[in-house]
Amino acid sequence: MQIDRELDARGLNCPLPILKAKKALSDMQSGQTLRVMATDPGSVRDFQAFAKQTGNELLEQQTIGLEFYHVMRRR
């Protein structure tokens, strides 16, 4: 999967990973992908809700150790 932009939100707690992702997505073109790296366990649920609310597509979520990876496609 091609990733157009990465965002490191490790060490940040809710709602900062979502707010930073929202800003990053707003600077991207439609169809581009964003990978967010987070350490907040609540980010899994938060990104699912964010995708539903904004219409951006949540392509993948992955947990590796204590880190959570979210891949979104800009609507």
N, C-alpha and C. Protein backbone atom coordinates (compact mmCIF):
# COMPACT_ATOMS: atom_id res chain seq x y z
N MET A 1 0.85 -1.18 0.00
CA MET A 1 0.00 0.00 0.00
C MET A 1 0.89 1.25 0.00
N GLN A 2 0.56 2.16 -0.87
CA GLN A 2 1.33 3.40 -0.93
C GLN A 2 0.86 4.36 0.16
N ILE A 3 1.80 4.88 0.93
CA ILE A 3 1.51 5.86 1.97
C ILE A 3 2.06 7.20 1.49
N ASP A 4 1.19 8.20 1.40
CA ASP A 4 1.62 9.51 0.92
C ASP A 4 2.20 10.39 2.02
N ARG A 5 1.75 10.17 3.25
CA ARG A 5 2.21 11.01 4.35
C ARG A 5 2.13 10.22 5.66
N GLU A 6 3.08 10.47 6.55
CA GLU A 6 3.06 9.82 7.86
C GLU A 6 2.99 10.89 8.95
N LEU A 7 2.29 10.53 10.01
CA LEU A 7 2.13 11.43 11.14
C LEU A 7 2.49 10.67 12.42
N ASP A 8 3.45 11.19 13.15
CA ASP A 8 3.86 10.56 14.41
C ASP A 8 3.12 11.22 15.56
N ALA A 9 2.14 10.51 16.11
CA ALA A 9 1.36 11.02 17.23
C ALA A 9 1.65 10.20 18.49
N ARG A 10 2.80 9.52 18.50
CA ARG A 10 3.16 8.72 19.67
C ARG A 10 3.41 9.64 20.86
N GLY A 11 2.90 9.20 22.02
CA GLY A 11 3.07 9.99 23.24
C GLY A 11 1.95 11.00 23.46
N LEU A 12 1.08 11.16 22.48
CA LEU A 12 -0.04 12.11 22.61
C LEU A 12 -1.32 11.37 22.98
N ASN A 13 -2.11 11.99 23.84
CA ASN A 13 -3.37 11.39 24.25
C ASN A 13 -4.54 12.09 23.57
N CYS A 14 -5.68 11.42 23.61
CA CYS A 14 -6.92 11.93 23.01
C CYS A 14 -7.18 13.35 23.53
N PRO A 15 -7.55 14.25 22.69
CA PRO A 15 -7.93 14.12 21.28
C PRO A 15 -6.81 14.51 20.31
N LEU A 16 -5.58 14.68 20.79
CA LEU A 16 -4.51 15.20 19.94
C LEU A 16 -4.20 14.37 18.69
N PRO A 17 -4.15 13.02 18.76
CA PRO A 17 -3.89 12.28 17.53
C PRO A 17 -4.95 12.56 16.44
N ILE A 18 -6.21 12.67 16.84
CA ILE A 18 -7.29 12.95 15.88
C ILE A 18 -7.15 14.37 15.33
N LEU A 19 -6.89 15.32 16.20
CA LEU A 19 -6.76 16.71 15.75
C LEU A 19 -5.60 16.88 14.77
N LYS A 20 -4.49 16.23 15.06
CA LYS A 20 -3.34 16.31 14.16
C LYS A 20 -3.63 15.59 12.83
N ALA A 21 -4.34 14.49 12.89
CA ALA A 21 -4.72 13.77 11.67
C ALA A 21 -5.68 14.60 10.83
N LYS A 22 -6.62 15.27 11.49
CA LYS A 22 -7.57 16.12 10.78
C LYS A 22 -6.84 17.23 10.03
N LYS A 23 -5.87 17.84 10.69
CA LYS A 23 -5.10 18.92 10.06
C LYS A 23 -4.29 18.38 8.88
N ALA A 24 -3.64 17.24 9.09
CA ALA A 24 -2.83 16.64 8.02
C ALA A 24 -3.70 16.29 6.81
N LEU A 25 -4.87 15.70 7.06
CA LEU A 25 -5.76 15.32 5.95
C LEU A 25 -6.25 16.54 5.19
N SER A 26 -6.47 17.64 5.89
CA SER A 26 -6.97 18.84 5.22
C SER A 26 -5.94 19.43 4.26
N ASP A 27 -4.66 19.11 4.48
CA ASP A 27 -3.59 19.59 3.61
C ASP A 27 -3.28 18.62 2.46
N MET A 28 -4.03 17.51 2.41
CA MET A 28 -3.76 16.48 1.40
C MET A 28 -4.83 16.53 0.30
N GLN A 29 -4.51 15.90 -0.82
CA GLN A 29 -5.45 15.83 -1.93
C GLN A 29 -6.33 14.59 -1.79
N SER A 30 -7.50 14.64 -2.41
CA SER A 30 -8.43 13.52 -2.38
C SER A 30 -7.74 12.25 -2.91
N GLY A 31 -7.92 11.15 -2.18
CA GLY A 31 -7.34 9.88 -2.59
C GLY A 31 -5.99 9.58 -1.98
N GLN A 32 -5.33 10.59 -1.41
CA GLN A 32 -4.03 10.36 -0.79
C GLN A 32 -4.21 9.64 0.55
N THR A 33 -3.16 8.94 0.98
CA THR A 33 -3.24 8.17 2.21
C THR A 33 -2.33 8.73 3.29
N LEU A 34 -2.80 8.59 4.52
CA LEU A 34 -2.09 9.08 5.71
C LEU A 34 -1.95 7.92 6.69
N ARG A 35 -0.73 7.69 7.18
CA ARG A 35 -0.51 6.69 8.23
C ARG A 35 -0.22 7.45 9.52
N VAL A 36 -0.99 7.14 10.55
CA VAL A 36 -0.80 7.77 11.86
C VAL A 36 -0.27 6.71 12.83
N MET A 37 0.82 7.05 13.51
CA MET A 37 1.39 6.18 14.53
C MET A 37 1.03 6.77 15.89
N ALA A 38 0.40 5.97 16.74
CA ALA A 38 -0.06 6.46 18.04
C ALA A 38 0.24 5.45 19.14
N THR A 39 0.26 5.93 20.38
CA THR A 39 0.44 5.04 21.53
C THR A 39 -0.78 5.04 22.44
N ASP A 40 -1.76 5.86 22.15
CA ASP A 40 -2.98 5.93 22.95
C ASP A 40 -3.91 4.79 22.53
N PRO A 41 -4.20 3.84 23.45
CA PRO A 41 -5.08 2.72 23.10
C PRO A 41 -6.47 3.17 22.64
N GLY A 42 -6.92 4.31 23.12
CA GLY A 42 -8.22 4.84 22.72
C GLY A 42 -8.25 5.30 21.27
N SER A 43 -7.07 5.42 20.65
CA SER A 43 -7.02 5.90 19.27
C SER A 43 -7.68 4.91 18.31
N VAL A 44 -7.71 3.63 18.65
CA VAL A 44 -8.34 2.64 17.77
C VAL A 44 -9.81 3.00 17.58
N ARG A 45 -10.50 3.18 18.66
CA ARG A 45 -11.92 3.55 18.61
C ARG A 45 -12.11 4.96 18.05
N ASP A 46 -11.23 5.86 18.45
CA ASP A 46 -11.33 7.26 18.00
C ASP A 46 -11.23 7.38 16.48
N PHE A 47 -10.29 6.65 15.87
CA PHE A 47 -10.12 6.75 14.42
C PHE A 47 -11.29 6.10 13.68
N GLN A 48 -11.89 5.08 14.26
CA GLN A 48 -13.07 4.48 13.64
C GLN A 48 -14.22 5.49 13.61
N ALA A 49 -14.43 6.17 14.73
CA ALA A 49 -15.49 7.18 14.81
C ALA A 49 -15.18 8.37 13.91
N PHE A 50 -13.92 8.80 13.88
CA PHE A 50 -13.50 9.92 13.05
C PHE A 50 -13.78 9.64 11.57
N ALA A 51 -13.48 8.42 11.14
CA ALA A 51 -13.72 8.05 9.74
C ALA A 51 -15.21 8.13 9.41
N LYS A 52 -16.06 7.62 10.29
CA LYS A 52 -17.51 7.66 10.06
C LYS A 52 -18.03 9.10 10.01
N GLN A 53 -17.51 9.94 10.89
CA GLN A 53 -18.00 11.32 10.97
C GLN A 53 -17.55 12.18 9.81
N THR A 54 -16.35 11.92 9.29
CA THR A 54 -15.78 12.81 8.28
C THR A 54 -15.90 12.29 6.85
N GLY A 55 -16.17 10.99 6.69
CA GLY A 55 -16.25 10.43 5.35
C GLY A 55 -14.90 10.01 4.79
N ASN A 56 -13.82 10.23 5.55
CA ASN A 56 -12.52 9.72 5.14
C ASN A 56 -12.51 8.21 5.40
N GLU A 57 -11.83 7.46 4.53
CA GLU A 57 -11.88 6.01 4.62
C GLU A 57 -10.75 5.49 5.52
N LEU A 58 -11.13 4.67 6.49
CA LEU A 58 -10.15 4.01 7.35
C LEU A 58 -9.77 2.70 6.67
N LEU A 59 -8.59 2.65 6.10
CA LEU A 59 -8.16 1.50 5.30
C LEU A 59 -7.63 0.36 6.14
N GLU A 60 -6.94 0.70 7.23
CA GLU A 60 -6.27 -0.33 8.00
C GLU A 60 -5.98 0.17 9.40
N GLN A 61 -6.09 -0.76 10.37
CA GLN A 61 -5.64 -0.49 11.73
C GLN A 61 -4.81 -1.68 12.17
N GLN A 62 -3.69 -1.39 12.80
CA GLN A 62 -2.78 -2.45 13.19
C GLN A 62 -2.20 -2.11 14.55
N THR A 63 -2.05 -3.14 15.38
CA THR A 63 -1.42 -2.96 16.69
C THR A 63 -0.12 -3.75 16.69
N ILE A 64 0.97 -3.07 16.97
CA ILE A 64 2.28 -3.73 17.06
C ILE A 64 2.87 -3.34 18.40
N GLY A 65 2.90 -4.30 19.30
CA GLY A 65 3.37 -4.02 20.66
C GLY A 65 2.45 -3.01 21.32
N LEU A 66 3.00 -1.89 21.73
CA LEU A 66 2.22 -0.85 22.39
C LEU A 66 1.91 0.31 21.44
N GLU A 67 2.10 0.09 20.15
CA GLU A 67 1.84 1.15 19.17
C GLU A 67 0.67 0.76 18.27
N PHE A 68 -0.06 1.78 17.86
CA PHE A 68 -1.26 1.60 17.03
C PHE A 68 -1.06 2.37 15.74
N TYR A 69 -1.30 1.70 14.63
CA TYR A 69 -1.11 2.30 13.31
C TYR A 69 -2.47 2.40 12.62
N HIS A 70 -2.77 3.56 12.09
CA HIS A 70 -4.03 3.82 11.42
C HIS A 70 -3.72 4.37 10.03
N VAL A 71 -4.32 3.79 9.00
CA VAL A 71 -4.12 4.28 7.64
C VAL A 71 -5.46 4.78 7.12
N MET A 72 -5.48 6.03 6.70
CA MET A 72 -6.70 6.66 6.22
C MET A 72 -6.50 7.18 4.80
N ARG A 73 -7.59 7.16 4.03
CA ARG A 73 -7.57 7.75 2.69
C ARG A 73 -8.44 8.99 2.72
N ARG A 74 -7.89 10.08 2.21
CA ARG A 74 -8.59 11.37 2.16
C ARG A 74 -9.77 11.27 1.21
N ARG A 75 -10.91 11.74 1.65
CA ARG A 75 -12.12 11.69 0.80
C ARG A 75 -12.03 12.68 -0.34
